[in-house]
Every structure is written in structure tokens, then in C-alpha cells.
Amino acid sequence: PAREKNFFYTLIQTNKRIQVKRGKHRQNHFQ
């Protein structure tokens, strides 16, 4: 994480939403 948000933050949020929609079949965000 950094103090300012950029595409990286947006991409993380997108991947989290996709994962919820798909269930646990494919994970695109690892933390």
C-alpha cells in the first residue's frame, strides 16, 4: 500500500469483486 491510490488499488478491488462473483474457483488477488 501507498498513500495515494492508483490503478493498482483499483485492480485489487476489481479482482476481489470478481472473486466473490465467481466463488472460490479462481483467485486473482493474493494478500
PDB file of all heavy atoms in Angstrom:
ATOM      1  N   PRO A   1       0.810  -1.215   0.000  1.00  0.00           N
ATOM      2  CA  PRO A   1       0.000   0.000   0.000  1.00  0.00           C
ATOM      3  C   PRO A   1       0.851   1.277   0.000  1.00  0.00           C
ATOM      4  O   PRO A   1       1.936   1.317   0.573  1.00  0.00           O
ATOM      5  CB  PRO A   1      -0.805  -0.104   1.293  1.00  0.00           C
ATOM      6  CG  PRO A   1      -0.864  -1.566   1.586  1.00  0.00           C
ATOM      7  CD  PRO A   1       0.459  -2.103   1.128  1.00  0.00           C
ATOM      8  N   ALA A   2       0.327   2.291  -0.659  1.00  0.00           N
ATOM      9  CA  ALA A   2       0.956   3.612  -0.670  1.00  0.00           C
ATOM     10  C   ALA A   2      -0.072   4.652  -0.212  1.00  0.00           C
ATOM     11  O   ALA A   2      -1.253   4.343  -0.064  1.00  0.00           O
ATOM     12  CB  ALA A   2       1.470   3.949  -2.071  1.00  0.00           C
ATOM     13  N   ARG A   3       0.362   5.866  -0.016  1.00  0.00           N
ATOM     14  CA  ARG A   3      -0.535   6.910   0.484  1.00  0.00           C
ATOM     15  C   ARG A   3      -1.535   7.359  -0.568  1.00  0.00           C
ATOM     16  O   ARG A   3      -2.609   7.834  -0.249  1.00  0.00           O
ATOM     17  CB  ARG A   3       0.283   8.107   0.986  1.00  0.00           C
ATOM     18  CG  ARG A   3       1.129   7.756   2.203  1.00  0.00           C
ATOM     19  CD  ARG A   3       1.980   8.930   2.667  1.00  0.00           C
ATOM     20  NE  ARG A   3       2.869   8.512   3.740  1.00  0.00           N
ATOM     21  CZ  ARG A   3       2.541   8.487   5.019  1.00  0.00           C
ATOM     22  NH1 ARG A   3       1.325   8.836   5.381  1.00  0.00           N
ATOM     23  NH2 ARG A   3       3.397   8.099   5.929  1.00  0.00           N
ATOM     24  N   GLU A   4      -1.152   7.234  -1.837  1.00  0.00           N
ATOM     25  CA  GLU A   4      -2.042   7.635  -2.923  1.00  0.00           C
ATOM     26  C   GLU A   4      -2.507   6.396  -3.691  1.00  0.00           C
ATOM     27  O   GLU A   4      -1.738   5.473  -3.924  1.00  0.00           O
ATOM     28  CB  GLU A   4      -1.331   8.599  -3.867  1.00  0.00           C
ATOM     29  CG  GLU A   4      -0.954   9.918  -3.204  1.00  0.00           C
ATOM     30  CD  GLU A   4      -0.257  10.868  -4.169  1.00  0.00           C
ATOM     31  OE1 GLU A   4      -0.099  10.497  -5.354  1.00  0.00           O
ATOM     32  OE2 GLU A   4       0.127  11.963  -3.731  1.00  0.00           O
ATOM     33  N   LYS A   5      -3.762   6.391  -4.090  1.00  0.00           N
ATOM     34  CA  LYS A   5      -4.319   5.276  -4.848  1.00  0.00           C
ATOM     35  C   LYS A   5      -4.023   5.459  -6.335  1.00  0.00           C
ATOM     36  O   LYS A   5      -4.045   6.574  -6.844  1.00  0.00           O
ATOM     37  CB  LYS A   5      -5.833   5.194  -4.633  1.00  0.00           C
ATOM     38  CG  LYS A   5      -6.246   4.963  -3.190  1.00  0.00           C
ATOM     39  CD  LYS A   5      -7.759   5.027  -3.043  1.00  0.00           C
ATOM     40  CE  LYS A   5      -8.175   4.857  -1.582  1.00  0.00           C
ATOM     41  NZ  LYS A   5      -9.637   4.991  -1.404  1.00  0.00           N
ATOM     42  N   ASN A   6      -3.755   4.349  -7.009  1.00  0.00           N
ATOM     43  CA  ASN A   6      -3.582   4.374  -8.457  1.00  0.00           C
ATOM     44  C   ASN A   6      -4.262   3.145  -9.044  1.00  0.00           C
ATOM     45  O   ASN A   6      -5.113   2.517  -8.408  1.00  0.00           O
ATOM     46  CB  ASN A   6      -2.095   4.431  -8.830  1.00  0.00           C
ATOM     47  CG  ASN A   6      -1.340   3.171  -8.427  1.00  0.00           C
ATOM     48  OD1 ASN A   6      -1.838   2.336  -7.677  1.00  0.00           O
ATOM     49  ND2 ASN A   6      -0.129   3.028  -8.931  1.00  0.00           N
ATOM     50  N   PHE A   7      -3.898   2.763 -10.259  1.00  0.00           N
ATOM     51  CA  PHE A   7      -4.536   1.618 -10.925  1.00  0.00           C
ATOM     52  C   PHE A   7      -4.405   0.344 -10.100  1.00  0.00           C
ATOM     53  O   PHE A   7      -5.270  -0.534 -10.158  1.00  0.00           O
ATOM     54  CB  PHE A   7      -3.904   1.402 -12.307  1.00  0.00           C
ATOM     55  CG  PHE A   7      -2.626   0.611 -12.253  1.00  0.00           C
ATOM     56  CD1 PHE A   7      -2.621  -0.754 -12.477  1.00  0.00           C
ATOM     57  CD2 PHE A   7      -1.428   1.229 -11.924  1.00  0.00           C
ATOM     58  CE1 PHE A   7      -1.449  -1.494 -12.389  1.00  0.00           C
ATOM     59  CE2 PHE A   7      -0.252   0.504 -11.840  1.00  0.00           C
ATOM     60  CZ  PHE A   7      -0.261  -0.863 -12.081  1.00  0.00           C
ATOM     61  N   PHE A   8      -3.322   0.219  -9.319  1.00  0.00           N
ATOM     62  CA  PHE A   8      -3.085  -0.985  -8.524  1.00  0.00           C
ATOM     63  C   PHE A   8      -4.197  -1.187  -7.502  1.00  0.00           C
ATOM     64  O   PHE A   8      -4.737  -2.291  -7.352  1.00  0.00           O
ATOM     65  CB  PHE A   8      -1.727  -0.850  -7.836  1.00  0.00           C
ATOM     66  CG  PHE A   8      -1.264  -2.082  -7.093  1.00  0.00           C
ATOM     67  CD1 PHE A   8      -1.321  -3.336  -7.677  1.00  0.00           C
ATOM     68  CD2 PHE A   8      -0.728  -1.967  -5.820  1.00  0.00           C
ATOM     69  CE1 PHE A   8      -0.877  -4.465  -6.997  1.00  0.00           C
ATOM     70  CE2 PHE A   8      -0.285  -3.082  -5.138  1.00  0.00           C
ATOM     71  CZ  PHE A   8      -0.352  -4.324  -5.725  1.00  0.00           C
ATOM     72  N   TYR A   9      -4.564  -0.132  -6.817  1.00  0.00           N
ATOM     73  CA  TYR A   9      -5.657  -0.202  -5.841  1.00  0.00           C
ATOM     74  C   TYR A   9      -6.966  -0.567  -6.539  1.00  0.00           C
ATOM     75  O   TYR A   9      -7.712  -1.434  -6.077  1.00  0.00           O
ATOM     76  CB  TYR A   9      -5.795   1.140  -5.120  1.00  0.00           C
ATOM     77  CG  TYR A   9      -6.972   1.196  -4.162  1.00  0.00           C
ATOM     78  CD1 TYR A   9      -6.856   0.737  -2.859  1.00  0.00           C
ATOM     79  CD2 TYR A   9      -8.200   1.707  -4.574  1.00  0.00           C
ATOM     80  CE1 TYR A   9      -7.931   0.789  -1.982  1.00  0.00           C
ATOM     81  CE2 TYR A   9      -9.283   1.756  -3.714  1.00  0.00           C
ATOM     82  CZ  TYR A   9      -9.139   1.296  -2.414  1.00  0.00           C
ATOM     83  OH  TYR A   9     -10.212   1.339  -1.562  1.00  0.00           O
ATOM     84  N   THR A  10      -7.236   0.091  -7.663  1.00  0.00           N
ATOM     85  CA  THR A  10      -8.473  -0.183  -8.411  1.00  0.00           C
ATOM     86  C   THR A  10      -8.526  -1.620  -8.885  1.00  0.00           C
ATOM     87  O   THR A  10      -9.566  -2.286  -8.808  1.00  0.00           O
ATOM     88  CB  THR A  10      -8.577   0.769  -9.615  1.00  0.00           C
ATOM     89  OG1 THR A  10      -8.503   2.124  -9.150  1.00  0.00           O
ATOM     90  CG2 THR A  10      -9.885   0.558 -10.364  1.00  0.00           C
ATOM     91  N   LEU A  11      -7.395  -2.123  -9.360  1.00  0.00           N
ATOM     92  CA  LEU A  11      -7.331  -3.506  -9.843  1.00  0.00           C
ATOM     93  C   LEU A  11      -7.582  -4.507  -8.713  1.00  0.00           C
ATOM     94  O   LEU A  11      -8.276  -5.523  -8.903  1.00  0.00           O
ATOM     95  CB  LEU A  11      -5.968  -3.769 -10.486  1.00  0.00           C
ATOM     96  CG  LEU A  11      -5.740  -5.145 -11.092  1.00  0.00           C
ATOM     97  CD1 LEU A  11      -6.731  -5.419 -12.219  1.00  0.00           C
ATOM     98  CD2 LEU A  11      -4.313  -5.270 -11.599  1.00  0.00           C
ATOM     99  N   ILE A  12      -7.036  -4.223  -7.550  1.00  0.00           N
ATOM    100  CA  ILE A  12      -7.261  -5.099  -6.393  1.00  0.00           C
ATOM    101  C   ILE A  12      -8.746  -5.173  -6.060  1.00  0.00           C
ATOM    102  O   ILE A  12      -9.296  -6.263  -5.835  1.00  0.00           O
ATOM    103  CB  ILE A  12      -6.451  -4.600  -5.179  1.00  0.00           C
ATOM    104  CG1 ILE A  12      -4.966  -4.881  -5.382  1.00  0.00           C
ATOM    105  CG2 ILE A  12      -6.938  -5.272  -3.882  1.00  0.00           C
ATOM    106  CD1 ILE A  12      -4.073  -4.230  -4.345  1.00  0.00           C
ATOM    107  N   GLN A  13      -9.407  -4.022  -6.030  1.00  0.00           N
ATOM    108  CA  GLN A  13     -10.838  -4.017  -5.714  1.00  0.00           C
ATOM    109  C   GLN A  13     -11.635  -4.768  -6.783  1.00  0.00           C
ATOM    110  O   GLN A  13     -12.575  -5.506  -6.468  1.00  0.00           O
ATOM    111  CB  GLN A  13     -11.349  -2.571  -5.599  1.00  0.00           C
ATOM    112  CG  GLN A  13     -10.589  -1.707  -4.599  1.00  0.00           C
ATOM    113  CD  GLN A  13     -10.389  -2.397  -3.256  1.00  0.00           C
ATOM    114  OE1 GLN A  13     -11.322  -2.949  -2.670  1.00  0.00           O
ATOM    115  NE2 GLN A  13      -9.157  -2.371  -2.758  1.00  0.00           N
ATOM    116  N   THR A  14     -11.249  -4.617  -8.042  1.00  0.00           N
ATOM    117  CA  THR A  14     -11.924  -5.337  -9.130  1.00  0.00           C
ATOM    118  C   THR A  14     -11.750  -6.840  -8.981  1.00  0.00           C
ATOM    119  O   THR A  14     -12.712  -7.612  -9.105  1.00  0.00           O
ATOM    120  CB  THR A  14     -11.361  -4.882 -10.486  1.00  0.00           C
ATOM    121  OG1 THR A  14     -11.590  -3.481 -10.640  1.00  0.00           O
ATOM    122  CG2 THR A  14     -12.043  -5.630 -11.634  1.00  0.00           C
ATOM    123  N   ASN A  15     -10.525  -7.272  -8.699  1.00  0.00           N
ATOM    124  CA  ASN A  15     -10.273  -8.704  -8.545  1.00  0.00           C
ATOM    125  C   ASN A  15     -11.027  -9.294  -7.355  1.00  0.00           C
ATOM    126  O   ASN A  15     -11.482 -10.443  -7.401  1.00  0.00           O
ATOM    127  CB  ASN A  15      -8.772  -8.960  -8.390  1.00  0.00           C
ATOM    128  CG  ASN A  15      -8.040  -8.908  -9.717  1.00  0.00           C
ATOM    129  OD1 ASN A  15      -8.648  -9.067 -10.773  1.00  0.00           O
ATOM    130  ND2 ASN A  15      -6.748  -8.677  -9.675  1.00  0.00           N
ATOM    131  N   LYS A  16     -11.149  -8.530  -6.296  1.00  0.00           N
ATOM    132  CA  LYS A  16     -11.914  -9.004  -5.135  1.00  0.00           C
ATOM    133  C   LYS A  16     -13.385  -9.195  -5.499  1.00  0.00           C
ATOM    134  O   LYS A  16     -14.005 -10.185  -5.111  1.00  0.00           O
ATOM    135  CB  LYS A  16     -11.780  -8.022  -3.976  1.00  0.00           C
ATOM    136  CG  LYS A  16     -10.425  -8.049  -3.282  1.00  0.00           C
ATOM    137  CD  LYS A  16     -10.408  -7.038  -2.145  1.00  0.00           C
ATOM    138  CE  LYS A  16      -9.112  -7.099  -1.367  1.00  0.00           C
ATOM    139  NZ  LYS A  16      -9.084  -6.112  -0.247  1.00  0.00           N
ATOM    140  N   ARG A  17     -13.945  -8.239  -6.250  1.00  0.00           N
ATOM    141  CA  ARG A  17     -15.348  -8.354  -6.653  1.00  0.00           C
ATOM    142  C   ARG A  17     -15.564  -9.532  -7.590  1.00  0.00           C
ATOM    143  O   ARG A  17     -16.558 -10.269  -7.465  1.00  0.00           O
ATOM    144  CB  ARG A  17     -15.802  -7.055  -7.321  1.00  0.00           C
ATOM    145  CG  ARG A  17     -15.964  -5.884  -6.367  1.00  0.00           C
ATOM    146  CD  ARG A  17     -16.743  -4.756  -7.007  1.00  0.00           C
ATOM    147  NE  ARG A  17     -16.036  -4.201  -8.153  1.00  0.00           N
ATOM    148  CZ  ARG A  17     -15.167  -3.196  -8.078  1.00  0.00           C
ATOM    149  NH1 ARG A  17     -14.886  -2.651  -6.906  1.00  0.00           N
ATOM    150  NH2 ARG A  17     -14.584  -2.725  -9.157  1.00  0.00           N
ATOM    151  N   ILE A  18     -14.635  -9.732  -8.523  1.00  0.00           N
ATOM    152  CA  ILE A  18     -14.748 -10.862  -9.457  1.00  0.00           C
ATOM    153  C   ILE A  18     -14.696 -12.177  -8.700  1.00  0.00           C
ATOM    154  O   ILE A  18     -15.446 -13.109  -8.996  1.00  0.00           O
ATOM    155  CB  ILE A  18     -13.625 -10.796 -10.507  1.00  0.00           C
ATOM    156  CG1 ILE A  18     -13.843  -9.602 -11.438  1.00  0.00           C
ATOM    157  CG2 ILE A  18     -13.565 -12.091 -11.317  1.00  0.00           C
ATOM    158  CD1 ILE A  18     -12.698  -9.360 -12.404  1.00  0.00           C
ATOM    159  N   GLN A  19     -13.817 -12.253  -7.719  1.00  0.00           N
ATOM    160  CA  GLN A  19     -13.681 -13.492  -6.956  1.00  0.00           C
ATOM    161  C   GLN A  19     -14.960 -13.813  -6.177  1.00  0.00           C
ATOM    162  O   GLN A  19     -15.382 -14.971  -6.103  1.00  0.00           O
ATOM    163  CB  GLN A  19     -12.506 -13.382  -5.996  1.00  0.00           C
ATOM    164  CG  GLN A  19     -12.189 -14.697  -5.283  1.00  0.00           C
ATOM    165  CD  GLN A  19     -10.909 -14.591  -4.485  1.00  0.00           C
ATOM    166  OE1 GLN A  19      -9.981 -13.891  -4.867  1.00  0.00           O
ATOM    167  NE2 GLN A  19     -10.854 -15.286  -3.369  1.00  0.00           N
ATOM    168  N   VAL A  20     -15.585 -12.800  -5.602  1.00  0.00           N
ATOM    169  CA  VAL A  20     -16.845 -13.010  -4.891  1.00  0.00           C
ATOM    170  C   VAL A  20     -17.918 -13.511  -5.852  1.00  0.00           C
ATOM    171  O   VAL A  20     -18.687 -14.420  -5.546  1.00  0.00           O
ATOM    172  CB  VAL A  20     -17.305 -11.698  -4.210  1.00  0.00           C
ATOM    173  CG1 VAL A  20     -18.732 -11.854  -3.685  1.00  0.00           C
ATOM    174  CG2 VAL A  20     -16.357 -11.337  -3.083  1.00  0.00           C
ATOM    175  N   LYS A  21     -17.931 -12.953  -7.040  1.00  0.00           N
ATOM    176  CA  LYS A  21     -18.933 -13.340  -8.038  1.00  0.00           C
ATOM    177  C   LYS A  21     -18.711 -14.771  -8.509  1.00  0.00           C
ATOM    178  O   LYS A  21     -19.653 -15.539  -8.706  1.00  0.00           O
ATOM    179  CB  LYS A  21     -18.880 -12.374  -9.228  1.00  0.00           C
ATOM    180  CG  LYS A  21     -19.966 -12.606 -10.266  1.00  0.00           C
ATOM    181  CD  LYS A  21     -19.906 -11.540 -11.348  1.00  0.00           C
ATOM    182  CE  LYS A  21     -21.012 -11.764 -12.394  1.00  0.00           C
ATOM    183  NZ  LYS A  21     -20.957 -10.723 -13.456  1.00  0.00           N
ATOM    184  N   ARG A  22     -17.457 -15.144  -8.700  1.00  0.00           N
ATOM    185  CA  ARG A  22     -17.140 -16.485  -9.208  1.00  0.00           C
ATOM    186  C   ARG A  22     -17.101 -17.545  -8.104  1.00  0.00           C
ATOM    187  O   ARG A  22     -17.088 -18.728  -8.389  1.00  0.00           O
ATOM    188  CB  ARG A  22     -15.764 -16.465  -9.884  1.00  0.00           C
ATOM    189  CG  ARG A  22     -15.737 -15.729 -11.226  1.00  0.00           C
ATOM    190  CD  ARG A  22     -14.324 -15.739 -11.757  1.00  0.00           C
ATOM    191  NE  ARG A  22     -14.241 -15.159 -13.094  1.00  0.00           N
ATOM    192  CZ  ARG A  22     -13.096 -14.889 -13.708  1.00  0.00           C
ATOM    193  NH1 ARG A  22     -11.952 -15.139 -13.097  1.00  0.00           N
ATOM    194  NH2 ARG A  22     -13.084 -14.370 -14.922  1.00  0.00           N
ATOM    195  N   GLY A  23     -17.040 -17.128  -6.877  1.00  0.00           N
ATOM    196  CA  GLY A  23     -16.815 -18.074  -5.800  1.00  0.00           C
ATOM    197  C   GLY A  23     -15.333 -18.325  -5.659  1.00  0.00           C
ATOM    198  O   GLY A  23     -14.512 -17.491  -6.030  1.00  0.00           O
ATOM    199  N   LYS A  24     -14.955 -19.467  -5.188  1.00  0.00           N
ATOM    200  CA  LYS A  24     -13.546 -19.762  -4.924  1.00  0.00           C
ATOM    201  C   LYS A  24     -12.902 -20.593  -6.028  1.00  0.00           C
ATOM    202  O   LYS A  24     -11.862 -21.212  -5.824  1.00  0.00           O
ATOM    203  CB  LYS A  24     -13.411 -20.488  -3.582  1.00  0.00           C
ATOM    204  CG  LYS A  24     -13.818 -19.626  -2.395  1.00  0.00           C
ATOM    205  CD  LYS A  24     -13.568 -20.337  -1.083  1.00  0.00           C
ATOM    206  CE  LYS A  24     -13.938 -19.449   0.103  1.00  0.00           C
ATOM    207  NZ  LYS A  24     -13.700 -20.121   1.401  1.00  0.00           N
ATOM    208  N   HIS A  25     -13.477 -20.609  -7.193  1.00  0.00           N
ATOM    209  CA  HIS A  25     -12.925 -21.423  -8.276  1.00  0.00           C
ATOM    210  C   HIS A  25     -11.638 -20.829  -8.844  1.00  0.00           C
ATOM    211  O   HIS A  25     -10.784 -21.538  -9.323  1.00  0.00           O
ATOM    212  CB  HIS A  25     -13.972 -21.589  -9.384  1.00  0.00           C
ATOM    213  CG  HIS A  25     -15.214 -22.301  -8.910  1.00  0.00           C
ATOM    214  ND1 HIS A  25     -15.190 -23.601  -8.478  1.00  0.00           N
ATOM    215  CD2 HIS A  25     -16.492 -21.889  -8.776  1.00  0.00           C
ATOM    216  CE1 HIS A  25     -16.415 -23.970  -8.114  1.00  0.00           C
ATOM    217  NE2 HIS A  25     -17.216 -22.946  -8.273  1.00  0.00           N
ATOM    218  N   ARG A  26     -11.532 -19.505  -8.824  1.00  0.00           N
ATOM    219  CA  ARG A  26     -10.324 -18.868  -9.342  1.00  0.00           C
ATOM    220  C   ARG A  26     -10.009 -17.635  -8.524  1.00  0.00           C
ATOM    221  O   ARG A  26     -10.840 -16.760  -8.363  1.00  0.00           O
ATOM    222  CB  ARG A  26     -10.504 -18.492 -10.805  1.00  0.00           C
ATOM    223  CG  ARG A  26      -9.276 -17.789 -11.387  1.00  0.00           C
ATOM    224  CD  ARG A  26      -9.414 -17.598 -12.876  1.00  0.00           C
ATOM    225  NE  ARG A  26      -8.291 -16.882 -13.427  1.00  0.00           N
ATOM    226  CZ  ARG A  26      -8.094 -16.672 -14.728  1.00  0.00           C
ATOM    227  NH1 ARG A  26      -8.983 -17.127 -15.589  1.00  0.00           N
ATOM    228  NH2 ARG A  26      -7.053 -16.013 -15.151  1.00  0.00           N
ATOM    229  N   GLN A  27      -8.794 -17.578  -8.014  1.00  0.00           N
ATOM    230  CA  GLN A  27      -8.377 -16.461  -7.171  1.00  0.00           C
ATOM    231  C   GLN A  27      -7.404 -15.582  -7.939  1.00  0.00           C
ATOM    232  O   GLN A  27      -6.368 -16.045  -8.415  1.00  0.00           O
ATOM    233  CB  GLN A  27      -7.717 -16.986  -5.892  1.00  0.00           C
ATOM    234  CG  GLN A  27      -7.339 -15.889  -4.908  1.00  0.00           C
ATOM    235  CD  GLN A  27      -6.765 -16.462  -3.620  1.00  0.00           C
ATOM    236  OE1 GLN A  27      -6.715 -17.674  -3.439  1.00  0.00           O
ATOM    237  NE2 GLN A  27      -6.345 -15.591  -2.726  1.00  0.00           N
ATOM    238  N   ASN A  28      -7.733 -14.300  -8.077  1.00  0.00           N
ATOM    239  CA  ASN A  28      -6.868 -13.366  -8.783  1.00  0.00           C
ATOM    240  C   ASN A  28      -6.176 -12.378  -7.854  1.00  0.00           C
ATOM    241  O   ASN A  28      -5.292 -11.650  -8.293  1.00  0.00           O
ATOM    242  CB  ASN A  28      -7.672 -12.581  -9.826  1.00  0.00           C
ATOM    243  CG  ASN A  28      -7.976 -13.408 -11.055  1.00  0.00           C
ATOM    244  OD1 ASN A  28      -7.235 -14.318 -11.395  1.00  0.00           O
ATOM    245  ND2 ASN A  28      -9.070 -13.103 -11.714  1.00  0.00           N
ATOM    246  N   HIS A  29      -6.595 -12.329  -6.599  1.00  0.00           N
ATOM    247  CA  HIS A  29      -5.970 -11.421  -5.649  1.00  0.00           C
ATOM    248  C   HIS A  29      -5.407 -12.216  -4.476  1.00  0.00           C
ATOM    249  O   HIS A  29      -6.110 -13.008  -3.857  1.00  0.00           O
ATOM    250  CB  HIS A  29      -6.982 -10.396  -5.129  1.00  0.00           C
ATOM    251  CG  HIS A  29      -6.423  -9.525  -4.053  1.00  0.00           C
ATOM    252  ND1 HIS A  29      -5.400  -8.639  -4.282  1.00  0.00           N
ATOM    253  CD2 HIS A  29      -6.722  -9.426  -2.725  1.00  0.00           C
ATOM    254  CE1 HIS A  29      -5.094  -8.025  -3.147  1.00  0.00           C
ATOM    255  NE2 HIS A  29      -5.877  -8.480  -2.200  1.00  0.00           N
ATOM    256  N   PHE A  30      -4.121 -11.995  -4.196  1.00  0.00           N
ATOM    257  CA  PHE A  30      -3.450 -12.691  -3.095  1.00  0.00           C
ATOM    258  C   PHE A  30      -2.839 -11.639  -2.176  1.00  0.00           C
ATOM    259  O   PHE A  30      -2.160 -10.730  -2.640  1.00  0.00           O
ATOM    260  CB  PHE A  30      -2.351 -13.614  -3.641  1.00  0.00           C
ATOM    261  CG  PHE A  30      -2.870 -14.672  -4.570  1.00  0.00           C
ATOM    262  CD1 PHE A  30      -3.075 -14.394  -5.907  1.00  0.00           C
ATOM    263  CD2 PHE A  30      -3.173 -15.939  -4.101  1.00  0.00           C
ATOM    264  CE1 PHE A  30      -3.559 -15.359  -6.780  1.00  0.00           C
ATOM    265  CE2 PHE A  30      -3.663 -16.914  -4.961  1.00  0.00           C
ATOM    266  CZ  PHE A  30      -3.855 -16.623  -6.304  1.00  0.00           C
ATOM    267  N   GLN A  31      -3.078 -11.780  -0.890  1.00  0.00           N
ATOM    268  CA  GLN A  31      -2.666 -10.747   0.059  1.00  0.00           C
ATOM    269  C   GLN A  31      -2.193 -11.409   1.342  1.00  0.00           C
ATOM    270  O   GLN A  31      -2.825 -12.331   1.847  1.00  0.00           O
ATOM    271  CB  GLN A  31      -3.856  -9.823   0.335  1.00  0.00           C
ATOM    272  CG  GLN A  31      -3.585  -8.706   1.306  1.00  0.00           C
ATOM    273  CD  GLN A  31      -4.756  -7.725   1.371  1.00  0.00           C
ATOM    274  OE1 GLN A  31      -5.259  -7.301   0.340  1.00  0.00           O
ATOM    275  NE2 GLN A  31      -5.178  -7.384   2.573  1.00  0.00           N
TER     276      GLN A  31
END
